[in-house]
């Protein structure tokens, strides 16, 4: 039985014509990035607004805490139940339809008069915000193998910026015009993006939709995980790096709100501007993947991720140490994330939405695990315990890379080598 690398090579050869396709224009790729960032930001807008929302609607502390949980639960369900639809439906129509439904959900949140309506609207917002992953898969499908890493990297940079700046934007808007203005503004932007994408996105992709019933579609996602070892390994990388990422970003506000800093919510939110440096890594990692350097990129990034917790451990005594740690961590996480998405998409471009959606389920599990564990540990062991947890997640990722780095093939590198071999053979004739 052939290994994963050989199977990937045959699939790449079968799509030899794909390499001749032109890379989408930079303007179109930037539009994808903006749309991804705007969509995923809706999952994080509520975090600085919880106290205000709860006071306005008379919610108990326990009910307020469920706001973030329900949004993420909705997002996790959407990854499994909605994102795979991109493989059987016209992605352009699917994206526009999801964006318009997202506008409705955001309007419901903005107009909510009771806690029940608010929670229902936020759950629907999380469910529909997974349009981000449909956009990533669509962007990847439009790029030829030789330029796919760059395209995925640029689009992912939009996701990074959307996640990290969502809290900053929502805090500023809420201070200016109240928490409801955040969701009204997002609804307006989402409606505008739906119109622009409807006009700009291509009506057809190179890969025709699969002819599967919905039940078969969902089962095939599980089958892909059972069949593809590379997918399983990269999903584990995703779980561990986002557990580390969430360990930092779900708890960093705690030491910064205490002595010696005593930062305001706005100042803490602005920390996302520093973290947005990770967007640079997303683009650079994409280019390295196009050169067949995914294995090296992953190893170096995981080593940096583990090392980032050393300066982060000195957060209470040194602001500069914290800044260095935040930059290193975000650079490392985004480099591995882009590498993961580029490699797994190359396994089966005709199942790109299922691959990306299934992979992102592990991202959600890692994020939830990191957030819950970090906040619980901080109450018991303080910031030092949180840093130890983050370092543990990061080191596990590095150990996994050490033991698996030679056991799976790089689809991009194999495609390049096979193309060179065909060209050499042709010249010899």
Protein backbone atom coordinates (compact mmCIF):
# COMPACT_ATOMS: atom_id res chain seq x y z
CA UNK A 1 0.00 0.00 0.00
CA UNK A 2 1.49 3.39 -0.94
CA UNK A 3 2.27 5.90 1.81
CA UNK A 4 0.72 9.32 2.24
CA UNK A 5 3.53 10.97 0.30
CA UNK A 6 3.03 8.77 -2.77
CA UNK A 7 -0.73 9.29 -2.69
CA UNK A 8 -0.27 13.03 -2.49
CA UNK A 9 2.16 12.93 -5.39
CA UNK A 10 -0.30 11.05 -7.60
CA UNK A 11 -3.06 13.49 -6.76
CA UNK A 12 -0.73 16.37 -7.58
CA UNK A 13 0.21 14.82 -10.90
CA UNK A 14 -3.46 14.33 -11.76
CA UNK A 15 -3.90 18.04 -11.32
CA UNK A 16 -0.84 19.03 -13.34
CA UNK A 17 -2.87 21.62 -15.16
CA UNK A 18 -3.58 23.38 -11.90
CA UNK A 19 -0.03 24.66 -11.71
CA UNK A 20 -0.60 26.72 -14.83
CA UNK A 21 -3.37 28.72 -13.23
CA UNK A 22 -2.57 32.29 -12.24
CA UNK A 23 -2.31 33.31 -8.61
CA UNK A 24 -5.27 35.53 -7.56
CA UNK A 25 -4.44 39.23 -7.69
CA UNK A 26 -3.15 40.82 -4.51
CA UNK A 27 -6.29 42.95 -4.30
CA UNK A 28 -8.55 39.87 -4.30
CA UNK A 29 -6.38 38.13 -1.70
CA UNK A 30 -6.50 41.23 0.53
CA UNK A 31 -10.27 41.26 0.16
CA UNK A 32 -10.35 37.65 1.35
CA UNK A 33 -8.15 38.64 4.31
CA UNK A 34 -10.38 41.58 5.27
CA UNK A 35 -13.51 39.45 5.06
CA UNK A 36 -11.92 36.71 7.19
CA UNK A 37 -10.80 39.18 9.83
CA UNK A 38 -14.18 40.90 9.97
CA UNK A 39 -16.05 37.59 10.28
CA UNK A 40 -13.88 35.98 12.95
CA UNK A 41 -13.78 39.18 15.02
CA UNK A 42 -17.47 38.66 15.83
CA UNK A 43 -16.51 35.68 18.01
CA UNK A 44 -14.34 37.90 20.24
CA UNK A 45 -16.20 41.23 20.36
CA UNK A 46 -18.13 40.32 23.51
CA UNK A 47 -15.14 39.65 25.77
CA UNK A 48 -14.50 43.29 26.88
CA UNK A 49 -18.27 43.97 26.98
CA UNK A 50 -19.45 41.27 29.37
CA UNK A 51 -19.92 43.48 32.42
CA UNK A 52 -21.75 46.16 30.45
CA UNK A 53 -24.01 43.64 28.71
CA UNK A 54 -24.85 41.95 31.98
CA UNK A 55 -25.71 45.22 33.71
CA UNK A 56 -27.82 46.44 30.80
CA UNK A 57 -29.90 43.25 30.58
CA UNK A 58 -29.93 42.34 34.27
CA UNK A 59 -27.97 39.10 33.82
CA UNK A 60 -26.49 37.12 36.66
CA UNK A 61 -22.73 36.54 36.83
CA UNK A 62 -23.16 32.91 35.76
CA UNK A 63 -25.32 33.92 32.80
CA UNK A 64 -22.82 36.58 31.74
CA UNK A 65 -20.09 33.94 31.76
CA UNK A 66 -22.09 31.83 29.32
CA UNK A 67 -21.94 34.59 26.68
CA UNK A 68 -18.41 33.67 25.56
CA UNK A 69 -19.06 29.94 25.97
CA UNK A 70 -22.14 29.94 23.76
CA UNK A 71 -20.41 31.94 21.04
CA UNK A 72 -17.53 29.45 20.92
CA UNK A 73 -19.89 26.47 21.06
CA UNK A 74 -21.72 27.90 18.06
CA UNK A 75 -18.41 28.34 16.26
CA UNK A 76 -17.35 24.77 16.99
CA UNK A 77 -20.65 23.39 15.68
CA UNK A 78 -20.34 25.50 12.54
CA UNK A 79 -16.86 24.11 11.84
CA UNK A 80 -18.22 20.58 11.65
CA UNK A 81 -21.72 21.12 10.27
CA UNK A 82 -21.40 24.18 7.98
CA UNK A 83 -17.83 24.49 6.69
CA UNK A 84 -17.90 21.10 4.83
CA UNK A 85 -20.75 22.47 2.69
CA UNK A 86 -18.08 24.36 0.75
CA UNK A 87 -17.16 21.06 -0.95
CA UNK A 88 -20.65 20.37 -2.30
CA UNK A 89 -22.08 23.86 -2.89
CA UNK A 90 -21.11 26.90 -4.93
CA UNK A 91 -18.68 28.59 -2.52
CA UNK A 92 -19.46 32.07 -3.78
CA UNK A 93 -23.18 31.70 -3.06
CA UNK A 94 -22.52 29.89 0.22
CA UNK A 95 -20.21 32.66 1.47
CA UNK A 96 -22.63 35.44 0.54
CA UNK A 97 -25.59 33.58 2.09
CA UNK A 98 -23.70 32.99 5.35
CA UNK A 99 -22.63 36.62 5.51
CA UNK A 100 -26.20 37.84 5.03
CA UNK A 101 -27.44 35.47 7.75
CA UNK A 102 -24.61 36.75 9.94
CA UNK A 103 -25.92 40.29 9.41
CA UNK A 104 -29.29 39.14 10.77
CA UNK A 105 -27.68 37.48 13.80
CA UNK A 106 -25.64 40.59 14.58
CA UNK A 107 -28.75 42.76 14.29
CA UNK A 108 -30.53 40.46 16.75
CA UNK A 109 -27.68 40.87 19.24
CA UNK A 110 -27.65 44.65 18.83
CA UNK A 111 -31.41 44.88 19.40
CA UNK A 112 -31.63 42.26 22.18
CA UNK A 113 -34.01 43.26 24.96
CA UNK A 114 -33.64 40.11 27.07
CA UNK A 115 -30.81 37.79 28.04
CA UNK A 116 -32.41 34.91 26.10
CA UNK A 117 -32.46 36.89 22.84
CA UNK A 118 -28.87 38.03 23.38
CA UNK A 119 -27.61 34.51 24.00
CA UNK A 120 -29.50 33.11 21.01
CA UNK A 121 -28.11 35.85 18.79
CA UNK A 122 -24.54 35.29 19.97
CA UNK A 123 -24.81 31.51 19.48
CA UNK A 124 -26.01 32.14 15.90
CA UNK A 125 -23.20 34.67 15.42
CA UNK A 126 -20.61 32.06 16.40
CA UNK A 127 -22.23 29.45 14.17
CA UNK A 128 -22.17 31.71 11.10
CA UNK A 129 -18.75 33.26 11.75
CA UNK A 130 -17.23 30.02 10.42
CA UNK A 131 -17.64 31.59 7.00
CA UNK A 132 -14.02 32.55 7.75
CA UNK A 133 -12.91 28.97 7.11
CA UNK A 134 -14.98 28.72 3.92
CA UNK A 135 -13.18 31.84 2.71
CA UNK A 136 -9.77 30.31 3.55
CA UNK A 137 -10.61 27.12 1.63
CA UNK A 138 -11.93 29.15 -1.34
CA UNK A 139 -8.80 31.30 -1.46
CA UNK A 140 -6.61 28.18 -1.37
CA UNK A 141 -8.61 26.63 -4.21
CA UNK A 142 -8.02 29.66 -6.43
CA UNK A 143 -4.22 29.48 -6.08
CA UNK A 144 -1.92 27.08 -7.95
CA UNK A 145 0.26 24.80 -5.78
CA UNK A 146 3.35 26.93 -6.35
CA UNK A 147 1.68 30.01 -4.86
CA UNK A 148 -0.80 28.47 -2.44
CA UNK A 149 1.31 29.04 0.67
CA UNK A 150 1.60 32.76 -0.05
CA UNK A 151 -2.14 33.10 -0.60
CA UNK A 152 -3.02 31.12 2.54
CA UNK A 153 -0.48 33.16 4.50
CA UNK A 154 -1.94 36.50 3.40
CA UNK A 155 -5.50 35.40 4.11
CA UNK A 156 -4.52 33.99 7.49
CA UNK A 157 -2.89 37.30 8.38
CA UNK A 158 -6.36 38.81 8.14
CA UNK A 159 -7.67 36.18 10.56
CA UNK A 160 -4.84 36.96 13.00
CA UNK A 161 -5.49 40.69 12.91
CA UNK A 162 -9.25 40.14 13.28
CA UNK A 163 -8.80 37.97 16.39
CA UNK A 164 -6.27 40.22 18.09
CA UNK A 165 -7.87 43.58 17.32
CA UNK A 166 -11.48 42.56 17.97
CA UNK A 167 -11.23 43.31 21.68
CA UNK A 168 -9.51 46.65 21.06
CA UNK A 169 -12.12 47.75 18.51
CA UNK A 170 -15.10 46.65 20.59
CA UNK A 171 -13.77 48.38 23.69
CA UNK A 172 -13.23 51.67 21.88
CA UNK A 173 -16.61 51.59 20.13
CA UNK A 174 -18.40 50.69 23.35
CA UNK A 175 -16.78 53.62 25.15
CA UNK A 176 -17.90 55.97 22.38
CA UNK A 177 -21.44 54.77 21.65
CA UNK A 178 -22.35 51.82 23.89
CA UNK A 179 -21.97 48.06 23.46
CA UNK A 180 -24.81 47.75 20.94
CA UNK A 181 -22.94 50.00 18.50
CA UNK A 182 -20.25 47.32 18.20
CA UNK A 183 -22.70 44.83 16.69
CA UNK A 184 -24.47 47.45 14.57
CA UNK A 185 -21.14 48.51 13.07
CA UNK A 186 -20.17 44.90 12.44
CA UNK A 187 -23.54 44.17 10.81
CA UNK A 188 -23.04 47.14 8.47
CA UNK A 189 -19.51 46.08 7.54
CA UNK A 190 -20.61 42.47 7.00
CA UNK A 191 -23.43 43.56 4.69
CA UNK A 192 -21.00 45.67 2.67
CA UNK A 193 -18.55 42.77 2.40
CA UNK A 194 -21.34 40.44 1.25
CA UNK A 195 -22.13 42.84 -1.59
CA UNK A 196 -18.49 43.28 -2.61
CA UNK A 197 -17.73 39.56 -2.48
CA UNK A 198 -20.83 38.78 -4.52
CA UNK A 199 -19.50 41.03 -7.26
CA UNK A 200 -15.80 40.08 -7.03
CA UNK A 201 -15.61 36.35 -6.26
CA UNK A 202 -15.40 34.03 -9.28
CA UNK A 203 -18.61 32.20 -10.12
CA UNK A 204 -16.84 28.89 -10.68
CA UNK A 205 -13.75 27.19 -9.23
CA UNK A 206 -11.38 24.73 -10.88
CA UNK A 207 -12.56 21.92 -8.59
CA UNK A 208 -16.21 20.99 -9.28
CA UNK A 209 -18.38 20.42 -6.17
CA UNK A 210 -18.51 16.87 -4.85
CA UNK A 211 -21.73 14.93 -5.35
CA UNK A 212 -22.36 13.81 -1.78
CA UNK A 213 -25.44 13.87 0.39
CA UNK A 214 -25.11 15.84 3.62
CA UNK A 215 -24.76 12.74 5.80
CA UNK A 216 -22.09 11.34 3.50
CA UNK A 217 -20.32 14.68 3.58
CA UNK A 218 -20.03 14.69 7.36
CA UNK A 219 -18.95 11.04 7.48
CA UNK A 220 -16.31 11.67 4.85
CA UNK A 221 -14.71 14.27 7.13
CA UNK A 222 -14.16 11.56 9.72
CA UNK A 223 -12.92 9.20 6.99
CA UNK A 224 -10.30 11.75 5.93
CA UNK A 225 -8.92 11.83 9.46
CA UNK A 226 -8.81 8.05 9.62
CA UNK A 227 -7.03 7.82 6.26
CA UNK A 228 -4.53 10.70 6.32
CA UNK A 229 -1.75 10.52 8.91
CA UNK A 230 -0.44 13.94 7.95
CA UNK A 231 -3.86 15.44 8.70
CA UNK A 232 -3.96 13.83 12.15
CA UNK A 233 -0.47 15.04 13.03
CA UNK A 234 -1.10 18.57 11.81
CA UNK A 235 -4.40 18.68 13.71
CA UNK A 236 -2.52 17.78 16.90
CA UNK A 237 -0.04 20.57 16.17
CA UNK A 238 -3.01 22.91 15.79
CA UNK A 239 -4.51 21.82 19.10
CA UNK A 240 -1.26 22.33 21.01
CA UNK A 241 -0.25 25.68 19.52
CA UNK A 242 -3.69 27.18 20.05
CA UNK A 243 -3.80 25.81 23.59
CA UNK A 244 -0.59 27.78 24.18
CA UNK A 245 -1.99 30.81 22.34
CA UNK A 246 -5.17 30.77 24.41
CA UNK A 247 -3.23 30.22 27.63
CA UNK A 248 -1.58 33.60 27.08
CA UNK A 249 -4.42 35.66 25.67
CA UNK A 250 -7.14 34.43 28.03
CA UNK A 251 -5.11 35.30 31.12
CA UNK A 252 -2.69 38.13 30.28
CA UNK A 253 -5.22 40.71 31.47
CA UNK A 254 -5.03 39.31 35.01
CA UNK A 255 -1.44 40.30 35.90
CA UNK A 256 -1.69 43.52 33.88
CA UNK A 257 -4.72 44.68 35.86
CA UNK A 258 -2.80 44.25 39.13
CA UNK A 259 0.25 46.00 40.59
CA UNK A 260 2.67 47.19 39.37
CA UNK A 261 0.79 47.94 36.13
CA UNK A 262 -2.91 48.40 37.01
CA UNK A 263 -3.73 48.92 33.33
CA UNK A 264 -7.17 49.97 32.16
CA UNK A 265 -9.29 47.72 29.93
CA UNK A 266 -8.48 49.91 26.92
CA UNK A 267 -4.73 49.63 27.56
CA UNK A 268 -4.92 45.86 27.93
CA UNK A 269 -6.97 45.65 24.74
CA UNK A 270 -4.33 47.65 22.90
CA UNK A 271 -1.87 44.82 23.62
CA UNK A 272 -3.47 43.14 20.62
CA UNK A 273 -1.65 45.68 18.42
CA UNK A 274 1.64 44.09 19.51
CA UNK A 275 0.31 40.60 18.94
CA UNK A 276 -0.73 41.55 15.42
CA UNK A 277 2.94 41.20 14.50
CA UNK A 278 2.03 37.55 14.05
CA UNK A 279 0.45 38.56 10.76
CA UNK A 280 3.98 39.05 9.40
CA UNK A 281 4.83 35.46 10.24
CA UNK A 282 1.75 34.22 8.44
CA UNK A 283 2.92 35.75 5.15
CA UNK A 284 6.55 34.67 5.58
CA UNK A 285 5.56 31.11 6.51
CA UNK A 286 3.40 30.88 3.41
CA UNK A 287 6.35 31.76 1.18
CA UNK A 288 8.60 29.24 2.95
CA UNK A 289 5.98 26.54 2.39
CA UNK A 290 5.93 27.34 -1.32
CA UNK A 291 9.68 26.62 -1.31
CA UNK A 292 9.15 23.19 0.26
CA UNK A 293 10.45 24.20 3.71
CA UNK A 294 7.40 23.29 5.78
CA UNK A 295 9.25 20.81 8.02
CA UNK A 296 11.97 23.30 8.92
CA UNK A 297 9.47 26.13 9.36
CA UNK A 298 7.43 24.03 11.79
CA UNK A 299 10.45 22.99 13.87
CA UNK A 300 11.88 26.52 14.19
CA UNK A 301 8.48 28.00 14.99
CA UNK A 302 7.76 25.40 17.69
CA UNK A 303 11.18 26.06 19.25
CA UNK A 304 10.40 29.80 19.31
CA UNK A 305 6.99 29.05 20.83
CA UNK A 306 8.60 27.12 23.69
CA UNK A 307 11.24 29.84 24.17
CA UNK A 308 8.62 32.64 24.27
CA UNK A 309 7.47 31.57 27.73
CA UNK A 310 10.85 32.47 29.28
CA UNK A 311 10.47 36.26 28.77
CA UNK A 312 6.73 35.98 29.44
CA UNK A 313 7.54 34.56 32.88
CA UNK A 314 9.07 37.98 33.76
CA UNK A 315 5.88 39.88 32.88
CA UNK A 316 5.38 41.22 36.42
CA UNK A 317 8.87 42.74 36.59
CA UNK A 318 9.55 43.76 32.99
CA UNK A 319 7.18 45.23 30.42
CA UNK A 320 9.76 44.74 27.67
CA UNK A 321 10.14 41.06 28.51
CA UNK A 322 6.38 40.65 28.12
CA UNK A 323 6.40 42.45 24.75
CA UNK A 324 9.20 40.23 23.45
CA UNK A 325 7.38 37.12 24.65
CA UNK A 326 4.08 38.16 23.06
CA UNK A 327 5.73 38.85 19.70
CA UNK A 328 7.65 35.55 19.71
CA UNK A 329 4.57 33.55 20.67
CA UNK A 330 2.33 35.08 18.02
CA UNK A 331 4.98 34.77 15.29
CA UNK A 332 5.45 31.10 16.14
CA UNK A 333 1.75 30.21 16.36
CA UNK A 334 0.86 31.82 13.05
CA UNK A 335 3.85 30.25 11.25
CA UNK A 336 2.75 26.76 12.31
CA UNK A 337 -0.92 27.52 11.60
CA UNK A 338 -0.28 28.64 8.02
CA UNK A 339 2.01 25.64 7.44
CA UNK A 340 -0.68 23.30 8.75
CA UNK A 341 -3.39 24.70 6.49
CA UNK A 342 -1.19 24.75 3.40
CA UNK A 343 -0.13 21.13 3.85
CA UNK A 344 -3.51 19.64 4.67
CA UNK A 345 -5.24 21.43 1.80
CA UNK A 346 -2.72 19.89 -0.59
CA UNK A 347 -3.83 16.41 0.46
CA UNK A 348 -7.25 16.69 -1.21
CA UNK A 349 -8.03 20.08 -2.82
CA UNK A 350 -11.45 18.69 -3.78
CA UNK A 351 -12.17 18.24 -0.05
CA UNK A 352 -10.57 21.49 1.08
CA UNK A 353 -13.52 22.73 3.15
CA UNK A 354 -13.79 19.43 5.02
CA UNK A 355 -10.06 19.36 5.69
CA UNK A 356 -9.92 22.97 6.93
CA UNK A 357 -13.13 22.62 8.96
CA UNK A 358 -12.01 19.38 10.59
CA UNK A 359 -8.58 20.82 11.39
CA UNK A 360 -10.17 23.90 12.96
CA UNK A 361 -12.23 21.73 15.31
CA UNK A 362 -8.91 20.83 16.93
CA UNK A 363 -8.07 24.55 17.03
CA UNK A 364 -11.29 25.15 18.97
CA UNK A 365 -10.56 22.30 21.39
CA UNK A 366 -7.08 23.67 22.02
CA UNK A 367 -8.33 27.22 22.52
CA UNK A 368 -11.00 26.13 24.99
CA UNK A 369 -8.56 23.90 26.89
CA UNK A 370 -5.98 26.65 27.20
CA UNK A 371 -8.50 29.25 28.35
CA UNK A 372 -10.12 27.08 31.02
CA UNK A 373 -6.84 25.70 32.34
CA UNK A 374 -5.07 29.07 32.40
CA UNK A 375 -7.74 30.97 34.32
CA UNK A 376 -8.12 28.12 36.80
CA UNK A 377 -4.36 27.84 37.35
CA UNK A 378 -3.95 31.59 37.84
CA UNK A 379 -6.34 31.51 40.77
CA UNK A 380 -4.32 28.71 42.38
CA UNK A 381 -0.69 29.25 41.38
CA UNK A 382 -0.47 32.72 39.88
CA UNK A 383 1.24 33.87 36.70
CA UNK A 384 4.16 31.46 37.11
CA UNK A 385 1.81 28.49 36.92
CA UNK A 386 0.18 29.91 33.78
CA UNK A 387 3.58 30.26 32.08
CA UNK A 388 4.48 26.69 33.07
CA UNK A 389 1.25 25.50 31.47
CA UNK A 390 1.91 27.41 28.26
CA UNK A 391 5.47 26.10 28.13
CA UNK A 392 4.17 22.55 28.62
CA UNK A 393 1.78 22.84 25.64
CA UNK A 394 4.59 24.33 23.53
CA UNK A 395 7.15 21.68 24.47
CA UNK A 396 4.66 18.92 23.73
CA UNK A 397 4.31 20.38 20.23
CA UNK A 398 8.09 20.44 19.81
CA UNK A 399 8.43 16.83 21.02
CA UNK A 400 5.67 15.77 18.58
CA UNK A 401 7.60 17.43 15.75
CA UNK A 402 10.85 15.67 16.72
CA UNK A 403 9.20 12.25 16.61
CA UNK A 404 7.18 12.82 13.42
CA UNK A 405 9.34 15.13 11.30
CA UNK A 406 10.60 12.30 9.06
CA UNK A 407 7.48 10.13 9.06
CA UNK A 408 5.31 12.27 6.75
CA UNK A 409 6.09 13.79 3.37
CA UNK A 410 5.78 17.44 2.41
CA UNK A 411 3.22 17.61 -0.42
CA UNK A 412 4.60 20.91 -1.69
CA UNK A 413 8.18 19.66 -1.80
CA UNK A 414 7.17 16.39 -3.48
CA UNK A 415 5.14 18.25 -6.10
CA UNK A 416 8.13 20.48 -6.87
CA UNK A 417 10.53 17.52 -7.10
CA UNK A 418 8.22 15.56 -9.37
CA UNK A 419 7.75 18.59 -11.66
CA UNK A 420 11.55 18.98 -11.92
CA UNK A 421 11.90 15.27 -12.72
CA UNK A 422 9.31 15.52 -15.50
CA UNK A 423 11.07 18.55 -16.94
CA UNK A 424 14.46 16.77 -16.85
CA UNK A 425 12.97 13.71 -18.55
CA UNK A 426 11.40 15.86 -21.25
CA UNK A 427 14.71 17.62 -21.94
CA UNK A 428 16.45 14.26 -22.13
CA UNK A 429 14.12 13.12 -24.86
